[in-house]
PDB file of N, CA and C in Angstrom:
ATOM      1  N   MET A   1       5.158 -16.573   5.418  1.00  0.00           N
ATOM      2  CA  MET A   1       5.920 -16.119   4.283  1.00  0.00           C
ATOM      3  C   MET A   1       6.298 -14.646   4.540  1.00  0.00           C
ATOM      4  N   THR A   2       7.529 -14.319   4.264  1.00  0.00           N
ATOM      5  CA  THR A   2       7.987 -12.951   4.487  1.00  0.00           C
ATOM      6  C   THR A   2       7.573 -12.042   3.322  1.00  0.00           C
ATOM      7  N   ASN A   3       7.643 -10.740   3.559  1.00  0.00           N
ATOM      8  CA  ASN A   3       7.343  -9.782   2.492  1.00  0.00           C
ATOM      9  C   ASN A   3       8.295  -9.950   1.318  1.00  0.00           C
ATOM     10  N   GLU A   4       9.550 -10.249   1.601  1.00  0.00           N
ATOM     11  CA  GLU A   4      10.537 -10.438   0.541  1.00  0.00           C
ATOM     12  C   GLU A   4      10.192 -11.648  -0.319  1.00  0.00           C
ATOM     13  N   GLN A   5       9.720 -12.724   0.332  1.00  0.00           N
ATOM     14  CA  GLN A   5       9.326 -13.918  -0.409  1.00  0.00           C
ATOM     15  C   GLN A   5       8.114 -13.635  -1.297  1.00  0.00           C
ATOM     16  N   MET A   6       7.132 -12.911  -0.753  1.00  0.00           N
ATOM     17  CA  MET A   6       5.956 -12.565  -1.550  1.00  0.00           C
ATOM     18  C   MET A   6       6.339 -11.646  -2.697  1.00  0.00           C
ATOM     19  N   LEU A   7       7.229 -10.713  -2.441  1.00  0.00           N
ATOM     20  CA  LEU A   7       7.717  -9.810  -3.485  1.00  0.00           C
ATOM     21  C   LEU A   7       8.381 -10.604  -4.608  1.00  0.00           C
ATOM     22  N   ALA A   8       9.191 -11.587  -4.241  1.00  0.00           N
ATOM     23  CA  ALA A   8       9.872 -12.424  -5.230  1.00  0.00           C
ATOM     24  C   ALA A   8       8.878 -13.260  -6.036  1.00  0.00           C
ATOM     25  N   ILE A   9       7.875 -13.818  -5.361  1.00  0.00           N
ATOM     26  CA  ILE A   9       6.872 -14.637  -6.043  1.00  0.00           C
ATOM     27  C   ILE A   9       6.107 -13.800  -7.065  1.00  0.00           C
ATOM     28  N   VAL A  10       5.634 -12.638  -6.639  1.00  0.00           N
ATOM     29  CA  VAL A  10       4.850 -11.789  -7.537  1.00  0.00           C
ATOM     30  C   VAL A  10       5.718 -11.278  -8.679  1.00  0.00           C
ATOM     31  N   THR A  11       6.959 -10.941  -8.395  1.00  0.00           N
ATOM     32  CA  THR A  11       7.877 -10.485  -9.437  1.00  0.00           C
ATOM     33  C   THR A  11       8.089 -11.587 -10.474  1.00  0.00           C
ATOM     34  N   ASP A  12       8.316 -12.810 -10.012  1.00  0.00           N
ATOM     35  CA  ASP A  12       8.527 -13.942 -10.921  1.00  0.00           C
ATOM     36  C   ASP A  12       7.274 -14.257 -11.741  1.00  0.00           C
ATOM     37  N   MET A  13       6.113 -14.226 -11.093  1.00  0.00           N
ATOM     38  CA  MET A  13       4.875 -14.581 -11.782  1.00  0.00           C
ATOM     39  C   MET A  13       4.415 -13.510 -12.770  1.00  0.00           C
ATOM     40  N   SER A  14       4.674 -12.255 -12.462  1.00  0.00           N
ATOM     41  CA  SER A  14       4.153 -11.173 -13.293  1.00  0.00           C
ATOM     42  C   SER A  14       5.159 -10.647 -14.306  1.00  0.00           C
ATOM     43  N   GLY A  15       6.439 -10.805 -14.001  1.00  0.00           N
ATOM     44  CA  GLY A  15       7.461 -10.247 -14.877  1.00  0.00           C
ATOM     45  C   GLY A  15       7.725  -8.776 -14.606  1.00  0.00           C
ATOM     46  N   GLU A  16       7.029  -8.207 -13.655  1.00  0.00           N
ATOM     47  CA  GLU A  16       7.240  -6.798 -13.287  1.00  0.00           C
ATOM     48  C   GLU A  16       8.569  -6.681 -12.559  1.00  0.00           C
ATOM     49  N   ASP A  17       9.417  -5.757 -13.003  1.00  0.00           N
ATOM     50  CA  ASP A  17      10.740  -5.646 -12.396  1.00  0.00           C
ATOM     51  C   ASP A  17      10.872  -4.512 -11.383  1.00  0.00           C
ATOM     52  N   SER A  18       9.835  -3.735 -11.197  1.00  0.00           N
ATOM     53  CA  SER A  18       9.883  -2.642 -10.229  1.00  0.00           C
ATOM     54  C   SER A  18       9.376  -3.127  -8.873  1.00  0.00           C
ATOM     55  N   ALA A  19      10.261  -3.155  -7.894  1.00  0.00           N
ATOM     56  CA  ALA A  19       9.880  -3.604  -6.549  1.00  0.00           C
ATOM     57  C   ALA A  19       8.831  -2.676  -5.943  1.00  0.00           C
ATOM     58  N   ALA A  20       8.902  -1.399  -6.256  1.00  0.00           N
ATOM     59  CA  ALA A  20       7.935  -0.441  -5.719  1.00  0.00           C
ATOM     60  C   ALA A  20       6.533  -0.715  -6.260  1.00  0.00           C
ATOM     61  N   VAL A  21       6.439  -1.035  -7.537  1.00  0.00           N
ATOM     62  CA  VAL A  21       5.136  -1.337  -8.143  1.00  0.00           C
ATOM     63  C   VAL A  21       4.576  -2.628  -7.557  1.00  0.00           C
ATOM     64  N   VAL A  22       5.398  -3.648  -7.457  1.00  0.00           N
ATOM     65  CA  VAL A  22       4.949  -4.925  -6.904  1.00  0.00           C
ATOM     66  C   VAL A  22       4.522  -4.748  -5.448  1.00  0.00           C
ATOM     67  N   SER A  23       5.268  -3.985  -4.684  1.00  0.00           N
ATOM     68  CA  SER A  23       4.911  -3.730  -3.283  1.00  0.00           C
ATOM     69  C   SER A  23       3.566  -3.026  -3.176  1.00  0.00           C
ATOM     70  N   ALA A  24       3.313  -2.088  -4.075  1.00  0.00           N
ATOM     71  CA  ALA A  24       2.041  -1.371  -4.066  1.00  0.00           C
ATOM     72  C   ALA A  24       0.881  -2.324  -4.338  1.00  0.00           C
ATOM     73  N   TYR A  25       1.041  -3.211  -5.301  1.00  0.00           N
ATOM     74  CA  TYR A  25      -0.023  -4.163  -5.614  1.00  0.00           C
ATOM     75  C   TYR A  25      -0.201  -5.192  -4.501  1.00  0.00           C
ATOM     76  N   LEU A  26       0.880  -5.588  -3.848  1.00  0.00           N
ATOM     77  CA  LEU A  26       0.761  -6.486  -2.698  1.00  0.00           C
ATOM     78  C   LEU A  26       0.005  -5.799  -1.564  1.00  0.00           C
ATOM     79  N   ALA A  27       0.263  -4.528  -1.353  1.00  0.00           N
ATOM     80  CA  ALA A  27      -0.441  -3.777  -0.307  1.00  0.00           C
ATOM     81  C   ALA A  27      -1.924  -3.658  -0.634  1.00  0.00           C
ATOM     82  N   MET A  28      -2.244  -3.376  -1.901  1.00  0.00           N
ATOM     83  CA  MET A  28      -3.650  -3.265  -2.308  1.00  0.00           C
ATOM     84  C   MET A  28      -4.378  -4.595  -2.139  1.00  0.00           C
ATOM     85  N   SER A  29      -3.736  -5.681  -2.544  1.00  0.00           N
ATOM     86  CA  SER A  29      -4.383  -6.988  -2.401  1.00  0.00           C
ATOM     87  C   SER A  29      -4.507  -7.371  -0.930  1.00  0.00           C
ATOM     88  N   GLY A  30      -3.533  -7.018  -0.129  1.00  0.00           N
ATOM     89  CA  GLY A  30      -3.598  -7.291   1.309  1.00  0.00           C
ATOM     90  C   GLY A  30      -4.735  -6.529   1.969  1.00  0.00           C
ATOM     91  N   ASP A  31      -4.918  -5.267   1.586  1.00  0.00           N
ATOM     92  CA  ASP A  31      -6.022  -4.471   2.133  1.00  0.00           C
ATOM     93  C   ASP A  31      -7.371  -5.088   1.774  1.00  0.00           C
ATOM     94  N   ALA A  32      -7.503  -5.558   0.540  1.00  0.00           N
ATOM     95  CA  ALA A  32      -8.764  -6.169   0.102  1.00  0.00           C
ATOM     96  C   ALA A  32      -9.064  -7.434   0.910  1.00  0.00           C
ATOM     97  N   ILE A  33      -8.046  -8.223   1.186  1.00  0.00           N
ATOM     98  CA  ILE A  33      -8.239  -9.454   1.962  1.00  0.00           C
ATOM     99  C   ILE A  33      -8.605  -9.125   3.401  1.00  0.00           C
ATOM    100  N   VAL A  34      -7.907  -8.174   3.999  1.00  0.00           N
ATOM    101  CA  VAL A  34      -8.207  -7.781   5.386  1.00  0.00           C
ATOM    102  C   VAL A  34      -9.629  -7.225   5.482  1.00  0.00           C
ATOM    103  N   ASN A  35     -10.023  -6.411   4.510  1.00  0.00           N
ATOM    104  CA  ASN A  35     -11.385  -5.859   4.525  1.00  0.00           C
ATOM    105  C   ASN A  35     -12.435  -6.949   4.401  1.00  0.00           C
ATOM    106  N   ARG A  36     -12.155  -7.983   3.619  1.00  0.00           N
ATOM    107  CA  ARG A  36     -13.106  -9.089   3.461  1.00  0.00           C
ATOM    108  C   ARG A  36     -13.073 -10.003   4.687  1.00  0.00           C
ATOM    109  N   ALA A  37     -11.899 -10.236   5.241  1.00  0.00           N
ATOM    110  CA  ALA A  37     -11.762 -11.159   6.370  1.00  0.00           C
ATOM    111  C   ALA A  37     -12.292 -10.564   7.680  1.00  0.00           C
ATOM    112  N   PHE A  38     -12.203  -9.254   7.816  1.00  0.00           N
ATOM    113  CA  PHE A  38     -12.622  -8.592   9.054  1.00  0.00           C
ATOM    114  C   PHE A  38     -13.619  -7.478   8.734  1.00  0.00           C
ATOM    115  N   PRO A  39     -14.818  -7.845   8.261  1.00  0.00           N
ATOM    116  CA  PRO A  39     -15.769  -6.834   7.790  1.00  0.00           C
ATOM    117  C   PRO A  39     -16.308  -5.907   8.875  1.00  0.00           C
ATOM    118  N   PHE A  40     -16.239  -6.334  10.122  1.00  0.00           N
ATOM    119  CA  PHE A  40     -16.808  -5.523  11.185  1.00  0.00           C
ATOM    120  C   PHE A  40     -15.741  -4.794  12.007  1.00  0.00           C
ATOM    121  N   ALA A  41     -14.506  -4.857  11.564  1.00  0.00           N
ATOM    122  CA  ALA A  41     -13.429  -4.154  12.266  1.00  0.00           C
ATOM    123  C   ALA A  41     -13.550  -2.656  12.027  1.00  0.00           C
ATOM    124  N   THR A  42     -13.218  -1.881  13.027  1.00  0.00           N
ATOM    125  CA  THR A  42     -13.220  -0.430  12.870  1.00  0.00           C
ATOM    126  C   THR A  42     -12.004  -0.027  12.037  1.00  0.00           C
ATOM    127  N   GLU A  43     -12.000   1.196  11.556  1.00  0.00           N
ATOM    128  CA  GLU A  43     -10.849   1.682  10.783  1.00  0.00           C
ATOM    129  C   GLU A  43      -9.578   1.604  11.628  1.00  0.00           C
ATOM    130  N   GLN A  44      -9.696   1.930  12.898  1.00  0.00           N
ATOM    131  CA  GLN A  44      -8.550   1.872  13.802  1.00  0.00           C
ATOM    132  C   GLN A  44      -8.034   0.441  13.936  1.00  0.00           C
ATOM    133  N   GLU A  45      -8.946  -0.509  14.079  1.00  0.00           N
ATOM    134  CA  GLU A  45      -8.549  -1.916  14.193  1.00  0.00           C
ATOM    135  C   GLU A  45      -7.910  -2.408  12.897  1.00  0.00           C
ATOM    136  N   ARG A  46      -8.444  -1.992  11.750  1.00  0.00           N
ATOM    137  CA  ARG A  46      -7.922  -2.444  10.454  1.00  0.00           C
ATOM    138  C   ARG A  46      -6.472  -2.021  10.247  1.00  0.00           C
ATOM    139  N   GLU A  47      -6.098  -0.876  10.789  1.00  0.00           N
ATOM    140  CA  GLU A  47      -4.722  -0.399  10.624  1.00  0.00           C
ATOM    141  C   GLU A  47      -3.712  -1.350  11.234  1.00  0.00           C
ATOM    142  N   SER A  48      -4.106  -2.055  12.284  1.00  0.00           N
ATOM    143  CA  SER A  48      -3.169  -2.960  12.957  1.00  0.00           C
ATOM    144  C   SER A  48      -3.305  -4.409  12.475  1.00  0.00           C
ATOM    145  N   LEU A  49      -4.304  -4.690  11.642  1.00  0.00           N
ATOM    146  CA  LEU A  49      -4.510  -6.053  11.161  1.00  0.00           C
ATOM    147  C   LEU A  49      -3.590  -6.360   9.988  1.00  0.00           C
ATOM    148  N   THR A  50      -3.182  -7.609   9.906  1.00  0.00           N
ATOM    149  CA  THR A  50      -2.373  -8.071   8.779  1.00  0.00           C
ATOM    150  C   THR A  50      -3.099  -9.225   8.098  1.00  0.00           C
ATOM    151  N   VAL A  51      -2.657  -9.554   6.907  1.00  0.00           N
ATOM    152  CA  VAL A  51      -3.258 -10.662   6.161  1.00  0.00           C
ATOM    153  C   VAL A  51      -2.972 -11.960   6.912  1.00  0.00           C
ATOM    154  N   PRO A  52      -4.019 -12.728   7.233  1.00  0.00           N
ATOM    155  CA  PRO A  52      -3.781 -14.018   7.877  1.00  0.00           C
ATOM    156  C   PRO A  52      -2.885 -14.905   7.003  1.00  0.00           C
ATOM    157  N   THR A  53      -2.042 -15.691   7.644  1.00  0.00           N
ATOM    158  CA  THR A  53      -1.080 -16.540   6.945  1.00  0.00           C
ATOM    159  C   THR A  53      -1.741 -17.402   5.880  1.00  0.00           C
ATOM    160  N   ARG A  54      -2.919 -17.911   6.161  1.00  0.00           N
ATOM    161  CA  ARG A  54      -3.583 -18.809   5.212  1.00  0.00           C
ATOM    162  C   ARG A  54      -3.978 -18.119   3.914  1.00  0.00           C
ATOM    163  N   TYR A  55      -3.962 -16.775   3.884  1.00  0.00           N
ATOM    164  CA  TYR A  55      -4.345 -16.039   2.684  1.00  0.00           C
ATOM    165  C   TYR A  55      -3.162 -15.353   1.989  1.00  0.00           C
ATOM    166  N   GLN A  56      -1.946 -15.646   2.404  1.00  0.00           N
ATOM    167  CA  GLN A  56      -0.793 -14.992   1.788  1.00  0.00           C
ATOM    168  C   GLN A  56      -0.596 -15.415   0.336  1.00  0.00           C
ATOM    169  N   ASN A  57      -0.853 -16.676   0.020  1.00  0.00           N
ATOM    170  CA  ASN A  57      -0.769 -17.107  -1.384  1.00  0.00           C
ATOM    171  C   ASN A  57      -1.831 -16.402  -2.223  1.00  0.00           C
ATOM    172  N   LEU A  58      -3.019 -16.265  -1.659  1.00  0.00           N
ATOM    173  CA  LEU A  58      -4.090 -15.555  -2.347  1.00  0.00           C
ATOM    174  C   LEU A  58      -3.700 -14.090  -2.556  1.00  0.00           C
ATOM    175  N   GLN A  59      -3.039 -13.501  -1.577  1.00  0.00           N
ATOM    176  CA  GLN A  59      -2.576 -12.121  -1.717  1.00  0.00           C
ATOM    177  C   GLN A  59      -1.643 -11.987  -2.918  1.00  0.00           C
ATOM    178  N   CYS A  60      -0.754 -12.947  -3.082  1.00  0.00           N
ATOM    179  CA  CYS A  60       0.156 -12.934  -4.236  1.00  0.00           C
ATOM    180  C   CYS A  60      -0.625 -13.107  -5.539  1.00  0.00           C
ATOM    181  N   GLU A  61      -1.587 -14.030  -5.551  1.00  0.00           N
ATOM    182  CA  GLU A  61      -2.388 -14.264  -6.754  1.00  0.00           C
ATOM    183  C   GLU A  61      -3.167 -13.014  -7.160  1.00  0.00           C
ATOM    184  N   ILE A  62      -3.747 -12.336  -6.187  1.00  0.00           N
ATOM    185  CA  ILE A  62      -4.515 -11.127  -6.474  1.00  0.00           C
ATOM    186  C   ILE A  62      -3.595 -10.023  -6.993  1.00  0.00           C
ATOM    187  N   ALA A  63      -2.415  -9.888  -6.389  1.00  0.00           N
ATOM    188  CA  ALA A  63      -1.459  -8.874  -6.856  1.00  0.00           C
ATOM    189  C   ALA A  63      -1.061  -9.144  -8.304  1.00  0.00           C
ATOM    190  N   VAL A  64      -0.812 -10.404  -8.639  1.00  0.00           N
ATOM    191  CA  VAL A  64      -0.457 -10.761 -10.022  1.00  0.00           C
ATOM    192  C   VAL A  64      -1.633 -10.482 -10.952  1.00  0.00           C
ATOM    193  N   TYR A  65      -2.838 -10.826 -10.524  1.00  0.00           N
ATOM    194  CA  TYR A  65      -4.027 -10.553 -11.336  1.00  0.00           C
ATOM    195  C   TYR A  65      -4.125  -9.056 -11.642  1.00  0.00           C
ATOM    196  N   LEU A  66      -3.964  -8.237 -10.620  1.00  0.00           N
ATOM    197  CA  LEU A  66      -4.072  -6.792 -10.820  1.00  0.00           C
ATOM    198  C   LEU A  66      -2.950  -6.256 -11.699  1.00  0.00           C
ATOM    199  N   LEU A  67      -1.758  -6.788 -11.531  1.00  0.00           N
ATOM    200  CA  LEU A  67      -0.644  -6.373 -12.392  1.00  0.00           C
ATOM    201  C   LEU A  67      -0.908  -6.765 -13.843  1.00  0.00           C
ATOM    202  N   ASN A  68      -1.378  -7.969 -14.052  1.00  0.00           N
ATOM    203  CA  ASN A  68      -1.650  -8.445 -15.406  1.00  0.00           C
ATOM    204  C   ASN A  68      -2.833  -7.733 -16.038  1.00  0.00           C
ATOM    205  N   LYS A  69      -3.738  -7.287 -15.228  1.00  0.00           N
ATOM    206  CA  LYS A  69      -4.915  -6.601 -15.744  1.00  0.00           C
ATOM    207  C   LYS A  69      -4.538  -5.283 -16.405  1.00  0.00           C
ATOM    208  N   ARG A  70      -3.370  -4.787 -16.095  1.00  0.00           N
ATOM    209  CA  ARG A  70      -2.906  -3.564 -16.746  1.00  0.00           C
ATOM    210  C   ARG A  70      -2.750  -3.791 -18.240  1.00  0.00           C
ATOM    211  N   GLY A  71      -2.595  -5.034 -18.620  1.00  0.00           N
ATOM    212  CA  GLY A  71      -2.508  -5.394 -20.037  1.00  0.00           C
ATOM    213  C   GLY A  71      -3.839  -5.951 -20.479  1.00  0.00           C
ATOM    214  N   ALA A  72      -3.833  -7.175 -20.950  1.00  0.00           N
ATOM    215  CA  ALA A  72      -5.062  -7.774 -21.468  1.00  0.00           C
ATOM    216  C   ALA A  72      -5.498  -9.019 -20.693  1.00  0.00           C
ATOM    217  N   GLU A  73      -4.716  -9.517 -19.740  1.00  0.00           N
ATOM    218  CA  GLU A  73      -5.081 -10.717 -18.996  1.00  0.00           C
ATOM    219  C   GLU A  73      -6.246 -10.425 -18.052  1.00  0.00           C
ATOM    220  N   GLY A  74      -7.014 -11.433 -17.762  1.00  0.00           N
ATOM    221  CA  GLY A  74      -8.138 -11.285 -16.851  1.00  0.00           C
ATOM    222  C   GLY A  74      -9.415 -10.840 -17.538  1.00  0.00           C
ATOM    223  N   GLU A  75      -9.413 -10.812 -18.842  1.00  0.00           N
ATOM    224  CA  GLU A  75     -10.587 -10.372 -19.579  1.00  0.00           C
ATOM    225  C   GLU A  75     -11.648 -11.467 -19.629  1.00  0.00           C
ATOM    226  N   THR A  76     -12.901 -11.058 -19.648  1.00  0.00           N
ATOM    227  CA  THR A  76     -13.983 -12.006 -19.898  1.00  0.00           C
ATOM    228  C   THR A  76     -14.497 -11.851 -21.322  1.00  0.00           C
ATOM    229  N   ALA A  77     -14.207 -10.723 -21.958  1.00  0.00           N
ATOM    230  CA  ALA A  77     -14.595 -10.498 -23.352  1.00  0.00           C
ATOM    231  C   ALA A  77     -13.626  -9.502 -23.971  1.00  0.00           C
ATOM    232  N   HIS A  78     -13.457  -9.623 -25.285  1.00  0.00           N
ATOM    233  CA  HIS A  78     -12.554  -8.722 -26.012  1.00  0.00           C
ATOM    234  C   HIS A  78     -13.078  -8.559 -27.431  1.00  0.00           C
ATOM    235  N   ASN A  79     -13.284  -7.342 -27.866  1.00  0.00           N
ATOM    236  CA  ASN A  79     -13.689  -7.047 -29.236  1.00  0.00           C
ATOM    237  C   ASN A  79     -12.525  -6.363 -29.921  1.00  0.00           C
ATOM    238  N   GLU A  80     -12.112  -6.887 -31.044  1.00  0.00           N
ATOM    239  CA  GLU A  80     -10.855  -6.470 -31.666  1.00  0.00           C
ATOM    240  C   GLU A  80     -10.867  -5.075 -32.290  1.00  0.00           C
ATOM    241  N   ASN A  81     -11.739  -4.789 -33.237  1.00  0.00           N
ATOM    242  CA  ASN A  81     -11.638  -3.533 -33.969  1.00  0.00           C
ATOM    243  C   ASN A  81     -11.962  -2.306 -33.124  1.00  0.00           C
ATOM    244  N   GLY A  82     -13.001  -2.375 -32.325  1.00  0.00           N
ATOM    245  CA  GLY A  82     -13.350  -1.262 -31.446  1.00  0.00           C
ATOM    246  C   GLY A  82     -12.572  -1.291 -30.144  1.00  0.00           C
ATOM    247  N   ILE A  83     -11.801  -2.342 -29.934  1.00  0.00           N
ATOM    248  CA  ILE A  83     -11.017  -2.593 -28.728  1.00  0.00           C
ATOM    249  C   ILE A  83     -11.840  -2.341 -27.469  1.00  0.00           C
ATOM    250  N   ASN A  84     -12.832  -3.170 -27.249  1.00  0.00           N
ATOM    251  CA  ASN A  84     -13.640  -3.152 -26.030  1.00  0.00           C
ATOM    252  C   ASN A  84     -13.223  -4.330 -25.170  1.00  0.00           C
ATOM    253  N   ARG A  85     -12.707  -4.058 -24.005  1.00  0.00           N
ATOM    254  CA  ARG A  85     -12.297  -5.126 -23.086  1.00  0.00           C
ATOM    255  C   ARG A  85     -13.253  -5.154 -21.906  1.00  0.00           C
ATOM    256  N   SER A  86     -13.594  -6.353 -21.470  1.00  0.00           N
ATOM    257  CA  SER A  86     -14.460  -6.516 -20.308  1.00  0.00           C
ATOM    258  C   SER A  86     -13.776  -7.409 -19.295  1.00  0.00           C
ATOM    259  N   TYR A  87     -13.881  -7.032 -18.043  1.00  0.00           N
ATOM    260  CA  TYR A  87     -13.320  -7.812 -16.953  1.00  0.00           C
ATOM    261  C   TYR A  87     -14.450  -8.274 -16.053  1.00  0.00           C
ATOM    262  N   GLU A  88     -14.162  -9.310 -15.258  1.00  0.00           N
ATOM    263  CA  GLU A  88     -15.172  -9.862 -14.369  1.00  0.00           C
ATOM    264  C   GLU A  88     -15.677  -8.803 -13.396  1.00  0.00           C
ATOM    265  N   ASN A  89     -14.804  -7.935 -12.959  1.00  0.00           N
ATOM    266  CA  ASN A  89     -15.139  -6.949 -11.950  1.00  0.00           C
ATOM    267  C   ASN A  89     -14.254  -5.737 -12.183  1.00  0.00           C
ATOM    268  N   GLY A  90     -14.673  -4.583 -11.736  1.00  0.00           N
ATOM    269  CA  GLY A  90     -13.863  -3.386 -11.905  1.00  0.00           C
ATOM    270  C   GLY A  90     -12.561  -3.463 -11.117  1.00  0.00           C
ATOM    271  N   GLY A  91     -12.526  -4.223 -10.074  1.00  0.00           N
ATOM    272  CA  GLY A  91     -11.330  -4.371  -9.261  1.00  0.00           C
ATOM    273  C   GLY A  91     -10.937  -5.830  -9.173  1.00  0.00           C
ATOM    274  N   ILE A  92     -11.005  -6.362  -7.971  1.00  0.00           N
ATOM    275  CA  ILE A  92     -10.666  -7.762  -7.748  1.00  0.00           C
ATOM    276  C   ILE A  92     -11.935  -8.596  -7.926  1.00  0.00           C
ATOM    277  N   PRO A  93     -11.878  -9.640  -8.733  1.00  0.00           N
ATOM    278  CA  PRO A  93     -13.086 -10.433  -8.963  1.00  0.00           C
ATOM    279  C   PRO A  93     -13.555 -11.151  -7.701  1.00  0.00           C
ATOM    280  N   ASP A  94     -14.870 -11.250  -7.580  1.00  0.00           N
ATOM    281  CA  ASP A  94     -15.458 -11.954  -6.443  1.00  0.00           C
ATOM    282  C   ASP A  94     -15.014 -13.406  -6.388  1.00  0.00           C
ATOM    283  N   SER A  95     -14.726 -13.998  -7.547  1.00  0.00           N
ATOM    284  CA  SER A  95     -14.296 -15.395  -7.575  1.00  0.00           C
ATOM    285  C   SER A  95     -12.987 -15.595  -6.804  1.00  0.00           C
ATOM    286  N   MET A  96     -12.183 -14.550  -6.687  1.00  0.00           N
ATOM    287  CA  MET A  96     -10.942 -14.668  -5.911  1.00  0.00           C
ATOM    288  C   MET A  96     -11.206 -14.391  -4.433  1.00  0.00           C
ATOM    289  N   LEU A  97     -11.995 -13.356  -4.152  1.00  0.00           N
ATOM    290  CA  LEU A  97     -12.226 -12.974  -2.759  1.00  0.00           C
ATOM    291  C   LEU A  97     -13.199 -13.891  -2.024  1.00  0.00           C
ATOM    292  N   LYS A  98     -13.955 -14.718  -2.752  1.00  0.00           N
ATOM    293  CA  LYS A  98     -14.891 -15.613  -2.058  1.00  0.00           C
ATOM    294  C   LYS A  98     -14.168 -16.678  -1.251  1.00  0.00           C
ATOM    295  N   GLN A  99     -12.876 -16.829  -1.474  1.00  0.00           N
ATOM    296  CA  GLN A  99     -12.072 -17.781  -0.702  1.00  0.00           C
ATOM    297  C   GLN A  99     -11.833 -17.301   0.726  1.00  0.00           C
ATOM    298  N   VAL A 100     -12.008 -16.001   0.957  1.00  0.00           N
ATOM    299  CA  VAL A 100     -11.744 -15.411   2.268  1.00  0.00           C
ATOM    300  C   VAL A 100     -12.989 -15.557   3.140  1.00  0.00           C
ATOM    301  N   VAL A 101     -12.823 -16.208   4.268  1.00  0.00           N
ATOM    302  CA  VAL A 101     -13.929 -16.417   5.201  1.00  0.00           C
ATOM    303  C   VAL A 101     -13.938 -15.265   6.204  1.00  0.00           C
ATOM    304  N   PRO A 102     -15.060 -14.520   6.283  1.00  0.00           N
ATOM    305  CA  PRO A 102     -15.132 -13.406   7.225  1.00  0.00           C
ATOM    306  C   PRO A 102     -15.025 -13.882   8.670  1.00  0.00           C
ATOM    307  N   PHE A 103     -14.339 -13.096   9.467  1.00  0.00           N
ATOM    308  CA  PHE A 103     -14.165 -13.384  10.889  1.00  0.00           C
ATOM    309  C   PHE A 103     -15.080 -12.447  11.663  1.00  0.00           C
ATOM    310  N   CYS A 104     -15.854 -13.007  12.576  1.00  0.00           N
ATOM    311  CA  CYS A 104     -16.760 -12.192  13.399  1.00  0.00           C
ATOM    312  C   CYS A 104     -16.575 -12.582  14.851  1.00  0.00           C
ATOM    313  N   ARG A 105     -16.935 -11.672  15.724  1.00  0.00           N
ATOM    314  CA  ARG A 105     -16.889 -11.974  17.159  1.00  0.00           C
ATOM    315  C   ARG A 105     -18.072 -11.315  17.825  1.00  0.00           C
ATOM    316  N   VAL A 106     -18.430 -11.826  18.979  1.00  0.00           N
ATOM    317  CA  VAL A 106     -19.505 -11.260  19.750  1.00  0.00           C
ATOM    318  C   VAL A 106     -18.904 -10.282  20.732  1.00  0.00           C
ATOM    319  N   PRO A 107     -19.359  -9.015  20.727  1.00  0.00           N
ATOM    320  CA  PRO A 107     -18.805  -8.037  21.675  1.00  0.00           C
ATOM    321  C   PRO A 107     -18.980  -8.519  23.110  1.00  0.00           C
ATOM    322  N   GLY A 108     -17.892  -8.477  23.836  1.00  0.00           N
ATOM    323  CA  GLY A 108     -17.916  -8.883  25.236  1.00  0.00           C
ATOM    324  C   GLY A 108     -17.987 -10.384  25.434  1.00  0.00           C
ATOM    325  N   GLY A 109     -17.975 -11.127  24.359  1.00  0.00           N
ATOM    326  CA  GLY A 109     -18.063 -12.589  24.446  1.00  0.00           C
ATOM    327  C   GLY A 109     -16.734 -13.195  24.854  1.00  0.00           C
ATOM    328  N   GLY A 110     -16.791 -14.199  25.630  1.00  0.00           N
ATOM    329  CA  GLY A 110     -15.570 -14.899  26.049  1.00  0.00           C
ATOM    330  C   GLY A 110     -15.248 -16.017  25.086  1.00  0.00           C
ATOM    331  N   ALA A 111     -14.090 -16.620  25.282  1.00  0.00           N
ATOM    332  CA  ALA A 111     -13.664 -17.708  24.400  1.00  0.00           C
ATOM    333  C   ALA A 111     -14.336 -18.920  24.759  1.00  0.00           C
TER     334      ALA A 111
END
């Protein structure tokens, strides 16, 4: 899926009309997936890594979740008069990121 296609999907799902905002949330969700998928990669290696194709739909879902969280969606609890909102996690919920299988390799190991 191309970046333009993901941008269109997230724009349609979230209703956000700013391409810059949607791109920022796609980048944040992509970074979270790469960090979960490649936990032992160095910072230098992470800069060149991209979201694996199998997680591109998840990247869009996470971006929409984060965009919607700016309002009231994604809450686990809500108290009306004192307006106390609770979310599953301060950032991206573990229930979304648990779909990402970490990739590991043995240093110097052959295929």
